[in-house]
Amino acid sequence: MDERRPATPRILALEVGDAVRLRRAHPCGGSVWRVTRIGADVGIACTTCGRRVMLERRELERRVVAVERSASGRPPEDPRP
């Protein structure tokens, strides 16, 4: 007998600072977003207009087309004093 297990959901490995390209463009015309927060909800910011939104991880994983890793591998420095 061939027992088939349900497919385990694949979790997208994201880090703060990564750039993600989504399926549909934002109304400003940008389709690349920077990851600002990780958790059950993921915070992303549009690289074109700066708009910040929170999406459920499952919803974000469904919309992502490509992930571009941050060059440093670390979150960017906070420019605020």
N, C-alpha and C. Protein backbone atom coordinates (compact mmCIF):
# COMPACT_ATOMS: atom_id res chain seq x y z
N MET A 1 0.82 -1.18 0.00
CA MET A 1 0.00 0.00 0.00
C MET A 1 0.87 1.25 0.00
N ASP A 2 0.47 2.17 -0.81
CA ASP A 2 1.20 3.43 -0.89
C ASP A 2 0.46 4.47 -0.05
N GLU A 3 1.01 4.73 1.13
CA GLU A 3 0.38 5.73 1.99
C GLU A 3 0.88 7.10 1.59
N ARG A 4 -0.04 7.96 1.26
CA ARG A 4 0.33 9.32 0.86
C ARG A 4 0.05 10.26 2.02
N ARG A 5 1.07 11.01 2.38
CA ARG A 5 0.90 12.00 3.43
C ARG A 5 0.50 13.32 2.78
N PRO A 6 -0.27 14.10 3.49
CA PRO A 6 -0.57 15.42 2.94
C PRO A 6 0.73 16.23 2.82
N ALA A 7 0.82 17.01 1.77
CA ALA A 7 2.02 17.82 1.56
C ALA A 7 2.18 18.82 2.70
N THR A 8 3.38 18.88 3.23
CA THR A 8 3.63 19.85 4.29
C THR A 8 3.74 21.23 3.65
N PRO A 9 3.13 22.23 4.26
CA PRO A 9 3.20 23.56 3.66
C PRO A 9 4.64 24.07 3.64
N ARG A 10 5.03 24.63 2.53
CA ARG A 10 6.38 25.17 2.38
C ARG A 10 6.39 26.60 2.91
N ILE A 11 7.24 26.86 3.87
CA ILE A 11 7.32 28.18 4.46
C ILE A 11 8.41 28.96 3.75
N LEU A 12 8.04 30.14 3.28
CA LEU A 12 8.97 31.01 2.58
C LEU A 12 9.95 31.61 3.58
N ALA A 13 11.23 31.40 3.36
CA ALA A 13 12.26 31.93 4.27
C ALA A 13 12.50 33.39 3.93
N LEU A 14 12.08 34.27 4.82
CA LEU A 14 12.25 35.71 4.63
C LEU A 14 13.05 36.28 5.77
N GLU A 15 13.78 37.35 5.50
CA GLU A 15 14.50 38.08 6.52
C GLU A 15 14.17 39.56 6.37
N VAL A 16 14.27 40.29 7.46
CA VAL A 16 14.06 41.73 7.40
C VAL A 16 15.11 42.32 6.46
N GLY A 17 14.67 43.16 5.54
CA GLY A 17 15.57 43.77 4.56
C GLY A 17 15.50 43.14 3.19
N ASP A 18 14.92 41.93 3.08
CA ASP A 18 14.77 41.29 1.79
C ASP A 18 13.79 42.07 0.93
N ALA A 19 13.99 42.00 -0.38
CA ALA A 19 13.05 42.61 -1.33
C ALA A 19 12.22 41.49 -1.94
N VAL A 20 10.91 41.70 -2.01
CA VAL A 20 10.02 40.71 -2.62
C VAL A 20 9.27 41.36 -3.77
N ARG A 21 9.12 40.62 -4.86
CA ARG A 21 8.36 41.08 -6.01
C ARG A 21 7.01 40.37 -5.95
N LEU A 22 5.92 41.15 -5.99
CA LEU A 22 4.59 40.59 -5.91
C LEU A 22 3.95 40.47 -7.29
N ARG A 23 2.92 39.64 -7.39
CA ARG A 23 2.24 39.40 -8.67
C ARG A 23 1.69 40.66 -9.30
N ARG A 24 0.96 41.42 -8.52
CA ARG A 24 0.32 42.62 -9.05
C ARG A 24 1.05 43.86 -8.55
N ALA A 25 1.08 44.88 -9.39
CA ALA A 25 1.74 46.13 -9.02
C ALA A 25 0.86 46.93 -8.06
N HIS A 26 1.53 47.70 -7.21
CA HIS A 26 0.85 48.63 -6.31
C HIS A 26 0.27 49.77 -7.16
N PRO A 27 -0.78 50.45 -6.72
CA PRO A 27 -1.34 51.55 -7.52
C PRO A 27 -0.32 52.63 -7.91
N CYS A 28 0.76 52.77 -7.15
CA CYS A 28 1.79 53.76 -7.50
C CYS A 28 2.64 53.28 -8.67
N GLY A 29 2.53 52.02 -9.03
CA GLY A 29 3.29 51.46 -10.15
C GLY A 29 4.41 50.53 -9.72
N GLY A 30 4.76 50.52 -8.45
CA GLY A 30 5.84 49.66 -7.96
C GLY A 30 5.37 48.24 -7.67
N SER A 31 6.23 47.28 -7.93
CA SER A 31 5.89 45.89 -7.61
C SER A 31 6.92 45.26 -6.69
N VAL A 32 7.91 46.03 -6.27
CA VAL A 32 8.95 45.53 -5.36
C VAL A 32 8.71 46.12 -3.97
N TRP A 33 8.73 45.26 -2.97
CA TRP A 33 8.47 45.65 -1.59
C TRP A 33 9.63 45.19 -0.72
N ARG A 34 9.96 45.95 0.33
CA ARG A 34 11.02 45.62 1.28
C ARG A 34 10.37 45.05 2.54
N VAL A 35 10.87 43.92 3.04
CA VAL A 35 10.34 43.30 4.25
C VAL A 35 10.81 44.11 5.45
N THR A 36 9.86 44.54 6.30
CA THR A 36 10.20 45.36 7.46
C THR A 36 9.92 44.65 8.78
N ARG A 37 9.12 43.60 8.76
CA ARG A 37 8.76 42.89 9.99
C ARG A 37 8.42 41.45 9.64
N ILE A 38 8.83 40.52 10.51
CA ILE A 38 8.57 39.10 10.29
C ILE A 38 7.77 38.56 11.46
N GLY A 39 6.84 37.69 11.19
CA GLY A 39 6.04 37.05 12.23
C GLY A 39 4.87 36.34 11.57
N ALA A 40 3.80 36.14 12.30
CA ALA A 40 2.59 35.57 11.70
C ALA A 40 2.07 36.51 10.63
N ASP A 41 2.22 37.82 10.88
CA ASP A 41 1.95 38.84 9.88
C ASP A 41 3.30 39.39 9.44
N VAL A 42 3.42 39.71 8.16
CA VAL A 42 4.67 40.23 7.63
C VAL A 42 4.46 41.68 7.22
N GLY A 43 5.33 42.55 7.68
CA GLY A 43 5.27 43.96 7.30
C GLY A 43 6.12 44.18 6.06
N ILE A 44 5.56 44.89 5.07
CA ILE A 44 6.30 45.20 3.86
C ILE A 44 6.10 46.68 3.53
N ALA A 45 7.09 47.27 2.87
CA ALA A 45 7.03 48.67 2.47
C ALA A 45 7.34 48.76 0.98
N CYS A 46 6.52 49.51 0.25
CA CYS A 46 6.71 49.70 -1.18
C CYS A 46 8.00 50.49 -1.38
N THR A 47 8.86 50.01 -2.28
CA THR A 47 10.13 50.71 -2.52
C THR A 47 9.94 51.94 -3.40
N THR A 48 8.78 52.07 -4.05
CA THR A 48 8.52 53.22 -4.90
C THR A 48 7.95 54.40 -4.12
N CYS A 49 6.87 54.15 -3.36
CA CYS A 49 6.19 55.26 -2.68
C CYS A 49 6.36 55.24 -1.16
N GLY A 50 6.85 54.13 -0.59
CA GLY A 50 7.07 54.06 0.85
C GLY A 50 5.87 53.58 1.65
N ARG A 51 4.75 53.28 1.02
CA ARG A 51 3.56 52.80 1.71
C ARG A 51 3.88 51.51 2.45
N ARG A 52 3.44 51.42 3.72
CA ARG A 52 3.68 50.23 4.53
C ARG A 52 2.36 49.49 4.75
N VAL A 53 2.40 48.18 4.62
CA VAL A 53 1.22 47.35 4.86
C VAL A 53 1.64 46.10 5.62
N MET A 54 0.66 45.47 6.24
CA MET A 54 0.87 44.20 6.93
C MET A 54 0.01 43.16 6.21
N LEU A 55 0.59 42.02 5.91
CA LEU A 55 -0.13 40.92 5.30
C LEU A 55 0.07 39.66 6.13
N GLU A 56 -0.95 38.81 6.16
CA GLU A 56 -0.77 37.51 6.80
C GLU A 56 0.29 36.76 6.00
N ARG A 57 1.12 36.00 6.70
CA ARG A 57 2.20 35.27 6.02
C ARG A 57 1.66 34.41 4.88
N ARG A 58 0.57 33.72 5.10
CA ARG A 58 0.00 32.85 4.08
C ARG A 58 -0.38 33.65 2.82
N GLU A 59 -0.97 34.83 3.02
CA GLU A 59 -1.37 35.68 1.90
C GLU A 59 -0.13 36.19 1.15
N LEU A 60 0.89 36.60 1.88
CA LEU A 60 2.11 37.09 1.24
C LEU A 60 2.77 35.98 0.43
N GLU A 61 2.85 34.78 1.01
CA GLU A 61 3.47 33.66 0.31
C GLU A 61 2.74 33.33 -0.98
N ARG A 62 1.44 33.53 -0.99
CA ARG A 62 0.65 33.27 -2.18
C ARG A 62 0.92 34.31 -3.28
N ARG A 63 1.21 35.56 -2.88
CA ARG A 63 1.40 36.66 -3.82
C ARG A 63 2.83 36.83 -4.33
N VAL A 64 3.81 36.27 -3.63
CA VAL A 64 5.21 36.49 -3.98
C VAL A 64 5.59 35.74 -5.26
N VAL A 65 6.30 36.47 -6.13
CA VAL A 65 6.83 35.87 -7.36
C VAL A 65 8.31 35.59 -7.21
N ALA A 66 9.05 36.52 -6.58
CA ALA A 66 10.49 36.37 -6.42
C ALA A 66 10.95 37.03 -5.12
N VAL A 67 12.03 36.49 -4.55
CA VAL A 67 12.63 37.06 -3.34
C VAL A 67 14.08 37.40 -3.67
N GLU A 68 14.48 38.63 -3.37
CA GLU A 68 15.86 39.06 -3.56
C GLU A 68 16.44 39.32 -2.18
N ARG A 69 17.47 38.60 -1.83
CA ARG A 69 18.08 38.71 -0.51
C ARG A 69 18.78 40.06 -0.35
N SER A 70 18.76 40.57 0.88
CA SER A 70 19.49 41.82 1.14
C SER A 70 20.98 41.52 1.03
N ALA A 71 21.74 42.50 0.58
CA ALA A 71 23.17 42.31 0.33
C ALA A 71 23.93 41.98 1.61
N SER A 72 23.59 42.65 2.70
CA SER A 72 24.35 42.47 3.94
C SER A 72 23.88 41.27 4.74
N GLY A 73 22.64 40.83 4.51
CA GLY A 73 22.12 39.74 5.30
C GLY A 73 21.60 40.19 6.65
N ARG A 74 21.76 41.50 6.94
CA ARG A 74 21.30 42.07 8.20
C ARG A 74 20.27 43.13 7.89
N PRO A 75 19.41 43.45 8.86
CA PRO A 75 18.46 44.53 8.63
C PRO A 75 19.19 45.85 8.45
N PRO A 76 18.64 46.74 7.61
CA PRO A 76 19.29 48.03 7.43
C PRO A 76 19.26 48.86 8.70
N GLU A 77 20.22 49.75 8.84
CA GLU A 77 20.29 50.62 10.01
C GLU A 77 19.10 51.57 10.01
N ASP A 78 18.61 51.89 11.18
CA ASP A 78 17.50 52.82 11.31
C ASP A 78 18.07 54.24 11.13
N PRO A 79 17.58 55.00 10.13
CA PRO A 79 18.15 56.31 9.88
C PRO A 79 17.75 57.37 10.92
N ARG A 80 16.77 57.05 11.77
CA ARG A 80 16.35 58.01 12.79
C ARG A 80 17.39 58.13 13.88
N PRO A 81 17.57 59.33 14.45
CA PRO A 81 18.56 59.51 15.52
C PRO A 81 18.17 58.82 16.81
